[in-house]
Amino acid sequence: NDLARKLEQGMTAAEPRDAGVVREVTEQTVTKHLLEEKAIEARKNNIILYRVPESEEQELKARQSEDKRFVETMCTEALGIQLQDDAVVKFFRLGKRPENPALARPLLVSFKEQQIKEEVLSNVRLLGGSGSKYRTVGVAQDLTPWQREEAKKLKEEAMRQLVSEGEQPENYKIFVTHRGTEPKLIK
């Protein structure tokens, strides 16, 4: 606490013990930042699909085959994207299989190239007019917990700003996009 006060006041560490603590805190911060960057890099080609009907097959291979077929037909029929056979690197359902078959788990899809992911995200608006099969499907980027927390803070700050300007927050839909290095707020 003393060290934190000194750092907040802009003072330098006067004791060798303080310098060690500063070094340790700095190393932890850098390590945390590097881990976050690795997590972002690992997720750069991923999207998450919500409300994709889940197969009731007992065998895993059959369920996976049906999920892959759904993703490929959605991209072709609704989004106008022709996928190569090896375009989808991996896909799997997130979470434990629910007891209620009406509840579908999110489907994580990892593409071979980031360009395909960007194309899918750019064409998401086409899902609404593509027919009842894809209308309810939601598409989102695979964000790290830190990115989700930052997006939540940005949205809350935007809502507070709207209220302070005398606006009605209910009249606005606020989105946070992560297409680049910094998150972007869209009203």
N, C-alpha and C. Protein backbone atom coordinates (compact mmCIF):
# COMPACT_ATOMS: atom_id res chain seq x y z
N ASN A 1 0.83 -1.20 0.00
CA ASN A 1 0.00 0.00 0.00
C ASN A 1 0.86 1.26 0.00
N ASP A 2 1.96 1.23 0.78
CA ASP A 2 2.87 2.38 0.79
C ASP A 2 3.47 2.60 -0.59
N LEU A 3 3.86 1.52 -1.22
CA LEU A 3 4.45 1.61 -2.55
C LEU A 3 3.43 2.14 -3.55
N ALA A 4 2.19 1.68 -3.45
CA ALA A 4 1.15 2.16 -4.35
C ALA A 4 0.93 3.65 -4.17
N ARG A 5 0.94 4.10 -2.90
CA ARG A 5 0.79 5.54 -2.65
C ARG A 5 1.95 6.31 -3.25
N LYS A 6 3.17 5.80 -3.09
CA LYS A 6 4.35 6.48 -3.64
C LYS A 6 4.26 6.56 -5.16
N LEU A 7 3.83 5.46 -5.79
CA LEU A 7 3.72 5.46 -7.24
C LEU A 7 2.63 6.39 -7.73
N GLU A 8 1.51 6.45 -7.00
CA GLU A 8 0.44 7.36 -7.37
C GLU A 8 0.87 8.81 -7.25
N GLN A 9 1.72 9.10 -6.28
CA GLN A 9 2.19 10.45 -6.07
C GLN A 9 3.36 10.79 -6.98
N GLY A 10 3.80 9.83 -7.76
CA GLY A 10 4.88 10.09 -8.69
C GLY A 10 6.25 10.03 -8.06
N MET A 11 6.36 9.47 -6.89
CA MET A 11 7.65 9.38 -6.22
C MET A 11 8.39 8.15 -6.72
N THR A 12 9.70 8.19 -6.67
CA THR A 12 10.49 7.03 -7.04
C THR A 12 10.67 6.16 -5.82
N ALA A 13 10.95 4.89 -6.07
CA ALA A 13 11.17 3.95 -4.97
C ALA A 13 12.48 4.30 -4.28
N ALA A 14 12.43 4.53 -2.99
CA ALA A 14 13.61 4.95 -2.26
C ALA A 14 14.36 3.76 -1.67
N GLU A 15 13.69 2.68 -1.43
CA GLU A 15 14.32 1.53 -0.80
C GLU A 15 14.51 0.41 -1.81
N PRO A 16 15.58 -0.37 -1.66
CA PRO A 16 15.79 -1.50 -2.59
C PRO A 16 14.63 -2.48 -2.58
N ARG A 17 14.00 -2.63 -1.41
CA ARG A 17 12.86 -3.53 -1.31
C ARG A 17 11.73 -3.05 -2.21
N ASP A 18 11.51 -1.74 -2.26
CA ASP A 18 10.48 -1.16 -3.12
C ASP A 18 10.81 -1.38 -4.59
N ALA A 19 12.07 -1.27 -4.95
CA ALA A 19 12.48 -1.47 -6.33
C ALA A 19 12.19 -2.91 -6.76
N GLY A 20 12.40 -3.86 -5.87
CA GLY A 20 12.10 -5.26 -6.18
C GLY A 20 10.62 -5.48 -6.39
N VAL A 21 9.81 -4.83 -5.57
CA VAL A 21 8.36 -4.96 -5.70
C VAL A 21 7.90 -4.33 -7.01
N VAL A 22 8.48 -3.17 -7.34
CA VAL A 22 8.12 -2.50 -8.59
C VAL A 22 8.48 -3.40 -9.77
N ARG A 23 9.66 -4.01 -9.72
CA ARG A 23 10.10 -4.89 -10.80
C ARG A 23 9.14 -6.09 -10.91
N GLU A 24 8.77 -6.66 -9.78
CA GLU A 24 7.88 -7.82 -9.78
C GLU A 24 6.51 -7.47 -10.35
N VAL A 25 5.97 -6.33 -9.94
CA VAL A 25 4.66 -5.89 -10.44
C VAL A 25 4.75 -5.62 -11.94
N THR A 26 5.85 -5.01 -12.38
CA THR A 26 6.03 -4.73 -13.80
C THR A 26 6.11 -6.03 -14.59
N GLU A 27 6.85 -7.00 -14.09
CA GLU A 27 6.97 -8.29 -14.77
C GLU A 27 5.62 -8.99 -14.86
N GLN A 28 4.85 -8.93 -13.78
CA GLN A 28 3.52 -9.55 -13.79
C GLN A 28 2.61 -8.88 -14.82
N THR A 29 2.69 -7.56 -14.88
CA THR A 29 1.86 -6.81 -15.83
C THR A 29 2.24 -7.16 -17.27
N VAL A 30 3.55 -7.20 -17.53
CA VAL A 30 4.01 -7.53 -18.88
C VAL A 30 3.62 -8.96 -19.23
N THR A 31 3.78 -9.88 -18.30
CA THR A 31 3.40 -11.27 -18.55
C THR A 31 1.91 -11.39 -18.84
N LYS A 32 1.11 -10.68 -18.07
CA LYS A 32 -0.35 -10.70 -18.28
C LYS A 32 -0.69 -10.15 -19.66
N HIS A 33 -0.02 -9.07 -20.05
CA HIS A 33 -0.27 -8.46 -21.35
C HIS A 33 0.14 -9.42 -22.48
N LEU A 34 1.28 -10.08 -22.34
CA LEU A 34 1.74 -11.03 -23.36
C LEU A 34 0.78 -12.22 -23.48
N LEU A 35 0.30 -12.72 -22.35
CA LEU A 35 -0.67 -13.82 -22.38
C LEU A 35 -1.96 -13.40 -23.08
N GLU A 36 -2.38 -12.17 -22.82
CA GLU A 36 -3.59 -11.65 -23.46
C GLU A 36 -3.38 -11.54 -24.97
N GLU A 37 -2.22 -11.06 -25.38
CA GLU A 37 -1.92 -10.96 -26.82
C GLU A 37 -1.90 -12.33 -27.48
N LYS A 38 -1.36 -13.34 -26.79
CA LYS A 38 -1.34 -14.70 -27.33
C LYS A 38 -2.76 -15.23 -27.45
N ALA A 39 -3.60 -14.94 -26.47
CA ALA A 39 -4.99 -15.40 -26.51
C ALA A 39 -5.74 -14.74 -27.66
N ILE A 40 -5.49 -13.46 -27.88
CA ILE A 40 -6.12 -12.75 -29.00
C ILE A 40 -5.66 -13.35 -30.32
N GLU A 41 -4.37 -13.61 -30.42
CA GLU A 41 -3.82 -14.20 -31.64
C GLU A 41 -4.42 -15.58 -31.91
N ALA A 42 -4.58 -16.38 -30.86
CA ALA A 42 -5.14 -17.72 -31.01
C ALA A 42 -6.60 -17.69 -31.45
N ARG A 43 -7.31 -16.61 -31.14
CA ARG A 43 -8.74 -16.51 -31.45
C ARG A 43 -9.02 -15.68 -32.70
N LYS A 44 -8.00 -15.22 -33.39
CA LYS A 44 -8.21 -14.26 -34.49
C LYS A 44 -9.01 -14.82 -35.66
N ASN A 45 -9.03 -16.13 -35.84
CA ASN A 45 -9.78 -16.73 -36.94
C ASN A 45 -11.09 -17.35 -36.50
N ASN A 46 -11.49 -17.12 -35.25
CA ASN A 46 -12.66 -17.80 -34.68
C ASN A 46 -13.90 -16.90 -34.68
N ILE A 47 -15.04 -17.55 -34.85
CA ILE A 47 -16.33 -16.91 -34.60
C ILE A 47 -17.14 -17.86 -33.72
N ILE A 48 -18.16 -17.31 -33.09
CA ILE A 48 -19.08 -18.13 -32.29
C ILE A 48 -20.48 -17.95 -32.86
N LEU A 49 -21.13 -19.06 -33.14
CA LEU A 49 -22.49 -19.05 -33.65
C LEU A 49 -23.44 -19.41 -32.52
N TYR A 50 -24.47 -18.61 -32.36
CA TYR A 50 -25.47 -18.84 -31.31
C TYR A 50 -26.77 -19.30 -31.95
N ARG A 51 -27.52 -20.10 -31.21
CA ARG A 51 -28.84 -20.59 -31.61
C ARG A 51 -28.79 -21.44 -32.88
N VAL A 52 -27.69 -22.17 -33.07
CA VAL A 52 -27.60 -23.14 -34.16
C VAL A 52 -28.24 -24.42 -33.64
N PRO A 53 -29.24 -24.95 -34.33
CA PRO A 53 -29.89 -26.18 -33.85
C PRO A 53 -28.87 -27.29 -33.62
N GLU A 54 -29.01 -27.95 -32.49
CA GLU A 54 -28.06 -29.00 -32.12
C GLU A 54 -28.65 -30.37 -32.43
N SER A 55 -27.85 -31.21 -33.03
CA SER A 55 -28.27 -32.55 -33.38
C SER A 55 -28.54 -33.37 -32.12
N GLU A 56 -29.51 -34.26 -32.21
CA GLU A 56 -29.83 -35.13 -31.08
C GLU A 56 -29.16 -36.50 -31.21
N GLU A 57 -28.28 -36.64 -32.20
CA GLU A 57 -27.54 -37.88 -32.39
C GLU A 57 -26.70 -38.19 -31.15
N GLN A 58 -26.56 -39.45 -30.84
CA GLN A 58 -25.74 -39.85 -29.68
C GLN A 58 -24.26 -39.87 -30.02
N GLU A 59 -23.93 -40.19 -31.25
CA GLU A 59 -22.53 -40.31 -31.65
C GLU A 59 -21.95 -38.93 -31.98
N LEU A 60 -20.77 -38.66 -31.44
CA LEU A 60 -20.09 -37.37 -31.60
C LEU A 60 -19.82 -37.05 -33.06
N LYS A 61 -19.33 -38.01 -33.82
CA LYS A 61 -19.00 -37.78 -35.24
C LYS A 61 -20.23 -37.36 -36.03
N ALA A 62 -21.36 -37.95 -35.74
CA ALA A 62 -22.59 -37.59 -36.45
C ALA A 62 -23.01 -36.16 -36.12
N ARG A 63 -22.90 -35.78 -34.84
CA ARG A 63 -23.24 -34.40 -34.44
C ARG A 63 -22.29 -33.40 -35.10
N GLN A 64 -21.00 -33.74 -35.10
CA GLN A 64 -20.02 -32.84 -35.72
C GLN A 64 -20.25 -32.71 -37.22
N SER A 65 -20.59 -33.79 -37.86
CA SER A 65 -20.86 -33.77 -39.30
C SER A 65 -22.04 -32.85 -39.60
N GLU A 66 -23.08 -32.94 -38.77
CA GLU A 66 -24.25 -32.09 -38.96
C GLU A 66 -23.92 -30.61 -38.70
N ASP A 67 -23.10 -30.33 -37.68
CA ASP A 67 -22.68 -28.94 -37.41
C ASP A 67 -21.88 -28.39 -38.59
N LYS A 68 -20.96 -29.19 -39.11
CA LYS A 68 -20.13 -28.73 -40.24
C LYS A 68 -21.01 -28.47 -41.46
N ARG A 69 -21.94 -29.34 -41.72
CA ARG A 69 -22.85 -29.17 -42.85
C ARG A 69 -23.67 -27.88 -42.68
N PHE A 70 -24.12 -27.62 -41.45
CA PHE A 70 -24.90 -26.41 -41.20
C PHE A 70 -24.06 -25.16 -41.49
N VAL A 71 -22.81 -25.14 -41.00
CA VAL A 71 -21.94 -23.97 -41.21
C VAL A 71 -21.69 -23.77 -42.70
N GLU A 72 -21.39 -24.84 -43.41
CA GLU A 72 -21.10 -24.73 -44.84
C GLU A 72 -22.31 -24.25 -45.63
N THR A 73 -23.50 -24.80 -45.33
CA THR A 73 -24.69 -24.37 -46.06
C THR A 73 -25.09 -22.95 -45.68
N MET A 74 -24.90 -22.57 -44.43
CA MET A 74 -25.20 -21.19 -44.03
C MET A 74 -24.31 -20.22 -44.79
N CYS A 75 -23.02 -20.53 -44.88
CA CYS A 75 -22.10 -19.65 -45.59
C CYS A 75 -22.46 -19.57 -47.07
N THR A 76 -22.81 -20.69 -47.67
CA THR A 76 -23.13 -20.72 -49.10
C THR A 76 -24.48 -20.09 -49.40
N GLU A 77 -25.52 -20.56 -48.71
CA GLU A 77 -26.88 -20.13 -49.03
C GLU A 77 -27.20 -18.73 -48.51
N ALA A 78 -26.84 -18.43 -47.28
CA ALA A 78 -27.26 -17.17 -46.67
C ALA A 78 -26.24 -16.05 -46.85
N LEU A 79 -24.96 -16.38 -46.79
CA LEU A 79 -23.93 -15.35 -46.82
C LEU A 79 -23.25 -15.19 -48.18
N GLY A 80 -23.48 -16.13 -49.08
CA GLY A 80 -22.88 -16.05 -50.41
C GLY A 80 -21.38 -16.27 -50.42
N ILE A 81 -20.88 -17.08 -49.50
CA ILE A 81 -19.45 -17.36 -49.39
C ILE A 81 -19.22 -18.82 -49.74
N GLN A 82 -18.41 -19.05 -50.75
CA GLN A 82 -18.07 -20.42 -51.14
C GLN A 82 -16.85 -20.86 -50.34
N LEU A 83 -17.02 -21.84 -49.47
CA LEU A 83 -15.93 -22.34 -48.64
C LEU A 83 -15.25 -23.52 -49.32
N GLN A 84 -13.94 -23.55 -49.23
CA GLN A 84 -13.18 -24.71 -49.68
C GLN A 84 -13.38 -25.82 -48.66
N ASP A 85 -13.00 -27.03 -49.02
CA ASP A 85 -13.16 -28.17 -48.11
C ASP A 85 -12.38 -28.00 -46.81
N ASP A 86 -11.22 -27.35 -46.88
CA ASP A 86 -10.37 -27.19 -45.70
C ASP A 86 -10.48 -25.81 -45.07
N ALA A 87 -11.52 -25.03 -45.41
CA ALA A 87 -11.66 -23.67 -44.89
C ALA A 87 -11.97 -23.66 -43.40
N VAL A 88 -12.73 -24.65 -42.94
CA VAL A 88 -13.06 -24.74 -41.52
C VAL A 88 -12.06 -25.69 -40.87
N VAL A 89 -11.22 -25.14 -39.99
CA VAL A 89 -10.17 -25.94 -39.36
C VAL A 89 -10.73 -26.78 -38.23
N LYS A 90 -11.53 -26.15 -37.37
CA LYS A 90 -12.14 -26.88 -36.26
C LYS A 90 -13.44 -26.22 -35.88
N PHE A 91 -14.27 -26.98 -35.22
CA PHE A 91 -15.54 -26.46 -34.69
C PHE A 91 -15.97 -27.39 -33.58
N PHE A 92 -16.52 -26.80 -32.55
CA PHE A 92 -17.03 -27.62 -31.45
C PHE A 92 -18.02 -26.80 -30.64
N ARG A 93 -18.87 -27.52 -29.95
CA ARG A 93 -19.88 -26.90 -29.10
C ARG A 93 -19.23 -26.49 -27.78
N LEU A 94 -19.63 -25.34 -27.27
CA LEU A 94 -19.11 -24.83 -26.02
C LEU A 94 -20.03 -25.20 -24.87
N GLY A 95 -19.47 -25.72 -23.81
CA GLY A 95 -20.25 -26.05 -22.63
C GLY A 95 -20.74 -27.48 -22.62
N LYS A 96 -21.40 -27.79 -21.54
CA LYS A 96 -21.93 -29.13 -21.32
C LYS A 96 -23.25 -29.27 -22.08
N ARG A 97 -23.50 -30.46 -22.59
CA ARG A 97 -24.73 -30.71 -23.32
C ARG A 97 -25.92 -30.57 -22.38
N PRO A 98 -26.89 -29.72 -22.73
CA PRO A 98 -28.02 -29.48 -21.84
C PRO A 98 -29.00 -30.65 -21.81
N GLU A 99 -29.71 -30.74 -20.71
CA GLU A 99 -30.74 -31.77 -20.57
C GLU A 99 -31.92 -31.48 -21.52
N ASN A 100 -32.22 -30.20 -21.69
CA ASN A 100 -33.31 -29.78 -22.55
C ASN A 100 -32.79 -29.68 -23.99
N PRO A 101 -33.22 -30.54 -24.89
CA PRO A 101 -32.71 -30.52 -26.26
C PRO A 101 -33.07 -29.25 -27.03
N ALA A 102 -34.03 -28.48 -26.54
CA ALA A 102 -34.41 -27.24 -27.22
C ALA A 102 -33.34 -26.16 -27.05
N LEU A 103 -32.53 -26.28 -26.01
CA LEU A 103 -31.46 -25.31 -25.78
C LEU A 103 -30.22 -25.75 -26.56
N ALA A 104 -29.74 -24.89 -27.42
CA ALA A 104 -28.56 -25.22 -28.22
C ALA A 104 -27.34 -24.51 -27.65
N ARG A 105 -26.26 -25.25 -27.51
CA ARG A 105 -25.01 -24.66 -27.05
C ARG A 105 -24.39 -23.83 -28.17
N PRO A 106 -23.61 -22.80 -27.81
CA PRO A 106 -22.90 -22.03 -28.85
C PRO A 106 -21.92 -22.93 -29.60
N LEU A 107 -21.70 -22.60 -30.86
CA LEU A 107 -20.80 -23.37 -31.72
C LEU A 107 -19.61 -22.50 -32.09
N LEU A 108 -18.42 -22.90 -31.66
CA LEU A 108 -17.21 -22.18 -32.00
C LEU A 108 -16.69 -22.73 -33.33
N VAL A 109 -16.43 -21.82 -34.27
CA VAL A 109 -15.93 -22.20 -35.59
C VAL A 109 -14.61 -21.49 -35.82
N SER A 110 -13.60 -22.25 -36.17
CA SER A 110 -12.27 -21.69 -36.45
C SER A 110 -11.97 -21.88 -37.93
N PHE A 111 -11.72 -20.77 -38.62
CA PHE A 111 -11.43 -20.81 -40.04
C PHE A 111 -9.93 -20.89 -40.29
N LYS A 112 -9.56 -21.35 -41.46
CA LYS A 112 -8.16 -21.47 -41.83
C LYS A 112 -7.52 -20.10 -41.97
N GLU A 113 -8.27 -19.14 -42.50
CA GLU A 113 -7.75 -17.80 -42.76
C GLU A 113 -8.64 -16.75 -42.12
N GLN A 114 -8.01 -15.67 -41.69
CA GLN A 114 -8.74 -14.58 -41.07
C GLN A 114 -9.65 -13.88 -42.08
N GLN A 115 -9.27 -13.89 -43.33
CA GLN A 115 -10.06 -13.26 -44.38
C GLN A 115 -11.46 -13.87 -44.46
N ILE A 116 -11.56 -15.18 -44.29
CA ILE A 116 -12.87 -15.85 -44.33
C ILE A 116 -13.72 -15.38 -43.16
N LYS A 117 -13.12 -15.30 -41.98
CA LYS A 117 -13.84 -14.83 -40.80
C LYS A 117 -14.37 -13.41 -41.03
N GLU A 118 -13.51 -12.53 -41.57
CA GLU A 118 -13.91 -11.15 -41.82
C GLU A 118 -15.05 -11.08 -42.84
N GLU A 119 -15.00 -11.94 -43.84
CA GLU A 119 -16.05 -11.98 -44.84
C GLU A 119 -17.38 -12.43 -44.22
N VAL A 120 -17.32 -13.43 -43.34
CA VAL A 120 -18.52 -13.89 -42.66
C VAL A 120 -19.09 -12.76 -41.80
N LEU A 121 -18.24 -12.10 -41.03
CA LEU A 121 -18.72 -11.01 -40.16
C LEU A 121 -19.28 -9.84 -40.97
N SER A 122 -18.70 -9.59 -42.15
CA SER A 122 -19.19 -8.50 -42.99
C SER A 122 -20.57 -8.81 -43.58
N ASN A 123 -20.86 -10.08 -43.79
CA ASN A 123 -22.12 -10.48 -44.42
C ASN A 123 -23.19 -10.94 -43.43
N VAL A 124 -22.95 -10.79 -42.16
CA VAL A 124 -23.91 -11.26 -41.14
C VAL A 124 -25.28 -10.63 -41.33
N ARG A 125 -25.32 -9.42 -41.79
CA ARG A 125 -26.61 -8.73 -41.97
C ARG A 125 -27.53 -9.48 -42.92
N LEU A 126 -26.95 -10.33 -43.79
CA LEU A 126 -27.75 -11.09 -44.75
C LEU A 126 -28.52 -12.24 -44.11
N LEU A 127 -28.14 -12.63 -42.91
CA LEU A 127 -28.81 -13.75 -42.24
C LEU A 127 -30.29 -13.47 -41.97
N GLY A 128 -30.61 -12.23 -41.64
CA GLY A 128 -31.99 -11.89 -41.30
C GLY A 128 -32.96 -12.12 -42.43
N GLY A 129 -32.53 -11.88 -43.66
CA GLY A 129 -33.41 -12.03 -44.81
C GLY A 129 -33.22 -13.33 -45.55
N SER A 130 -32.52 -14.26 -44.95
CA SER A 130 -32.16 -15.49 -45.65
C SER A 130 -33.15 -16.64 -45.46
N GLY A 131 -34.20 -16.42 -44.73
CA GLY A 131 -35.16 -17.50 -44.50
C GLY A 131 -35.16 -17.90 -43.04
N SER A 132 -36.14 -18.68 -42.67
CA SER A 132 -36.33 -19.01 -41.26
C SER A 132 -35.21 -19.87 -40.69
N LYS A 133 -34.50 -20.61 -41.52
CA LYS A 133 -33.46 -21.52 -41.03
C LYS A 133 -32.30 -20.77 -40.37
N TYR A 134 -31.95 -19.60 -40.90
CA TYR A 134 -30.78 -18.87 -40.41
C TYR A 134 -31.14 -17.56 -39.71
N ARG A 135 -32.39 -17.20 -39.72
CA ARG A 135 -32.81 -15.90 -39.18
C ARG A 135 -32.44 -15.72 -37.70
N THR A 136 -32.53 -16.78 -36.92
CA THR A 136 -32.27 -16.66 -35.48
C THR A 136 -30.81 -16.88 -35.10
N VAL A 137 -29.97 -17.24 -36.06
CA VAL A 137 -28.56 -17.51 -35.77
C VAL A 137 -27.85 -16.19 -35.47
N GLY A 138 -27.12 -16.18 -34.36
CA GLY A 138 -26.31 -15.03 -34.00
C GLY A 138 -24.84 -15.34 -34.24
N VAL A 139 -24.11 -14.34 -34.70
CA VAL A 139 -22.68 -14.51 -35.00
C VAL A 139 -21.90 -13.47 -34.22
N ALA A 140 -20.84 -13.92 -33.56
CA ALA A 140 -19.99 -13.01 -32.78
C ALA A 140 -18.54 -13.44 -32.91
N GLN A 141 -17.65 -12.48 -32.66
CA GLN A 141 -16.23 -12.82 -32.63
C GLN A 141 -15.94 -13.57 -31.34
N ASP A 142 -14.91 -14.37 -31.38
CA ASP A 142 -14.45 -15.09 -30.19
C ASP A 142 -13.52 -14.15 -29.43
N LEU A 143 -14.04 -13.52 -28.39
CA LEU A 143 -13.28 -12.55 -27.61
C LEU A 143 -12.72 -13.17 -26.34
N THR A 144 -11.63 -12.61 -25.88
CA THR A 144 -11.05 -13.05 -24.61
C THR A 144 -11.89 -12.46 -23.48
N PRO A 145 -11.78 -13.00 -22.28
CA PRO A 145 -12.52 -12.42 -21.15
C PRO A 145 -12.19 -10.94 -20.93
N TRP A 146 -10.92 -10.58 -21.12
CA TRP A 146 -10.52 -9.18 -20.96
C TRP A 146 -11.20 -8.30 -21.99
N GLN A 147 -11.29 -8.75 -23.25
CA GLN A 147 -11.95 -7.98 -24.30
C GLN A 147 -13.44 -7.84 -24.01
N ARG A 148 -14.06 -8.90 -23.50
CA ARG A 148 -15.49 -8.81 -23.16
C ARG A 148 -15.72 -7.81 -22.04
N GLU A 149 -14.84 -7.80 -21.05
CA GLU A 149 -14.95 -6.86 -19.93
C GLU A 149 -14.77 -5.42 -20.43
N GLU A 150 -13.80 -5.20 -21.31
CA GLU A 150 -13.58 -3.87 -21.87
C GLU A 150 -14.79 -3.40 -22.67
N ALA A 151 -15.39 -4.30 -23.45
CA ALA A 151 -16.58 -3.96 -24.23
C ALA A 151 -17.73 -3.59 -23.30
N LYS A 152 -17.87 -4.32 -22.22
CA LYS A 152 -18.93 -4.04 -21.25
C LYS A 152 -18.72 -2.65 -20.63
N LYS A 153 -17.48 -2.32 -20.28
CA LYS A 153 -17.18 -1.01 -19.71
C LYS A 153 -17.46 0.11 -20.71
N LEU A 154 -17.10 -0.11 -21.97
CA LEU A 154 -17.36 0.90 -23.01
C LEU A 154 -18.85 1.14 -23.18
N LYS A 155 -19.64 0.07 -23.17
CA LYS A 155 -21.09 0.21 -23.30
C LYS A 155 -21.68 0.97 -22.12
N GLU A 156 -21.24 0.61 -20.91
CA GLU A 156 -21.74 1.29 -19.72
C GLU A 156 -21.38 2.77 -19.74
N GLU A 157 -20.17 3.10 -20.16
CA GLU A 157 -19.74 4.49 -20.24
C GLU A 157 -20.56 5.25 -21.28
N ALA A 158 -20.85 4.61 -22.41
CA ALA A 158 -21.67 5.24 -23.45
C ALA A 158 -23.08 5.49 -22.93
N MET A 159 -23.62 4.54 -22.17
CA MET A 159 -24.97 4.72 -21.59
C MET A 159 -24.97 5.89 -20.60
N ARG A 160 -23.95 5.95 -19.75
CA ARG A 160 -23.86 7.07 -18.80
C ARG A 160 -23.76 8.41 -19.53
N GLN A 161 -23.01 8.42 -20.63
CA GLN A 161 -22.86 9.65 -21.40
C GLN A 161 -24.19 10.06 -22.03
N LEU A 162 -24.94 9.09 -22.53
CA LEU A 162 -26.25 9.41 -23.10
C LEU A 162 -27.17 10.01 -22.04
N VAL A 163 -27.16 9.42 -20.86
CA VAL A 163 -28.01 9.93 -19.77
C VAL A 163 -27.58 11.35 -19.39
N SER A 164 -26.26 11.59 -19.32
CA SER A 164 -25.77 12.92 -18.94
C SER A 164 -26.10 13.97 -20.00
N GLU A 165 -26.27 13.54 -21.25
CA GLU A 165 -26.65 14.46 -22.33
C GLU A 165 -28.15 14.65 -22.41
N GLY A 166 -28.90 13.98 -21.54
CA GLY A 166 -30.35 14.11 -21.53
C GLY A 166 -31.06 13.20 -22.52
N GLU A 167 -30.36 12.26 -23.09
CA GLU A 167 -30.94 11.33 -24.05
C GLU A 167 -31.56 10.15 -23.33
N GLN A 168 -32.41 9.42 -24.03
CA GLN A 168 -33.01 8.21 -23.51
C GLN A 168 -32.18 7.02 -24.01
N PRO A 169 -31.49 6.30 -23.13
CA PRO A 169 -30.66 5.17 -23.58
C PRO A 169 -31.46 4.07 -24.28
N GLU A 170 -32.76 3.98 -23.99
CA GLU A 170 -33.60 2.97 -24.61
C GLU A 170 -33.74 3.20 -26.11
N ASN A 171 -33.50 4.44 -26.56
CA ASN A 171 -33.64 4.78 -27.97
C ASN A 171 -32.41 4.41 -28.79
N TYR A 172 -31.41 3.88 -28.16
CA TYR A 172 -30.15 3.57 -28.85
C TYR A 172 -29.78 2.11 -28.67
N LYS A 173 -29.14 1.58 -29.69
CA LYS A 173 -28.52 0.25 -29.62
C LYS A 173 -27.02 0.50 -29.74
N ILE A 174 -26.27 0.03 -28.77
CA ILE A 174 -24.84 0.28 -28.75
C ILE A 174 -24.09 -1.03 -28.98
N PHE A 175 -23.16 -1.00 -29.94
CA PHE A 175 -22.34 -2.15 -30.29
C PHE A 175 -20.87 -1.79 -30.06
N VAL A 176 -20.09 -2.80 -29.73
CA VAL A 176 -18.64 -2.64 -29.66
C VAL A 176 -18.05 -3.64 -30.64
N THR A 177 -17.26 -3.12 -31.60
CA THR A 177 -16.60 -3.99 -32.56
C THR A 177 -15.12 -4.09 -32.22
N HIS A 178 -14.54 -5.20 -32.57
CA HIS A 178 -13.11 -5.43 -32.31
C HIS A 178 -12.39 -5.75 -33.61
N ARG A 179 -12.68 -5.01 -34.64
CA ARG A 179 -12.03 -5.25 -35.94
C ARG A 179 -10.83 -4.33 -36.08
N GLY A 180 -9.79 -4.64 -35.45
CA GLY A 180 -8.59 -3.83 -35.48
C GLY A 180 -7.90 -3.93 -34.14
N THR A 181 -7.03 -2.98 -33.88
CA THR A 181 -6.29 -3.06 -32.63
C THR A 181 -7.09 -2.54 -31.45
N GLU A 182 -7.95 -1.56 -31.69
CA GLU A 182 -8.73 -0.97 -30.60
C GLU A 182 -10.20 -1.25 -30.78
N PRO A 183 -10.94 -1.48 -29.68
CA PRO A 183 -12.39 -1.65 -29.81
C PRO A 183 -13.04 -0.34 -30.25
N LYS A 184 -14.10 -0.45 -31.02
CA LYS A 184 -14.79 0.72 -31.54
C LYS A 184 -16.24 0.67 -31.11
N LEU A 185 -16.76 1.79 -30.63
CA LEU A 185 -18.13 1.90 -30.16
C LEU A 185 -19.01 2.43 -31.27
N ILE A 186 -20.14 1.78 -31.52
CA ILE A 186 -21.07 2.21 -32.55
C ILE A 186 -22.44 2.40 -31.91
N LYS A 187 -23.03 3.58 -32.12
CA LYS A 187 -24.38 3.85 -31.61
C LYS A 187 -25.37 3.68 -32.75
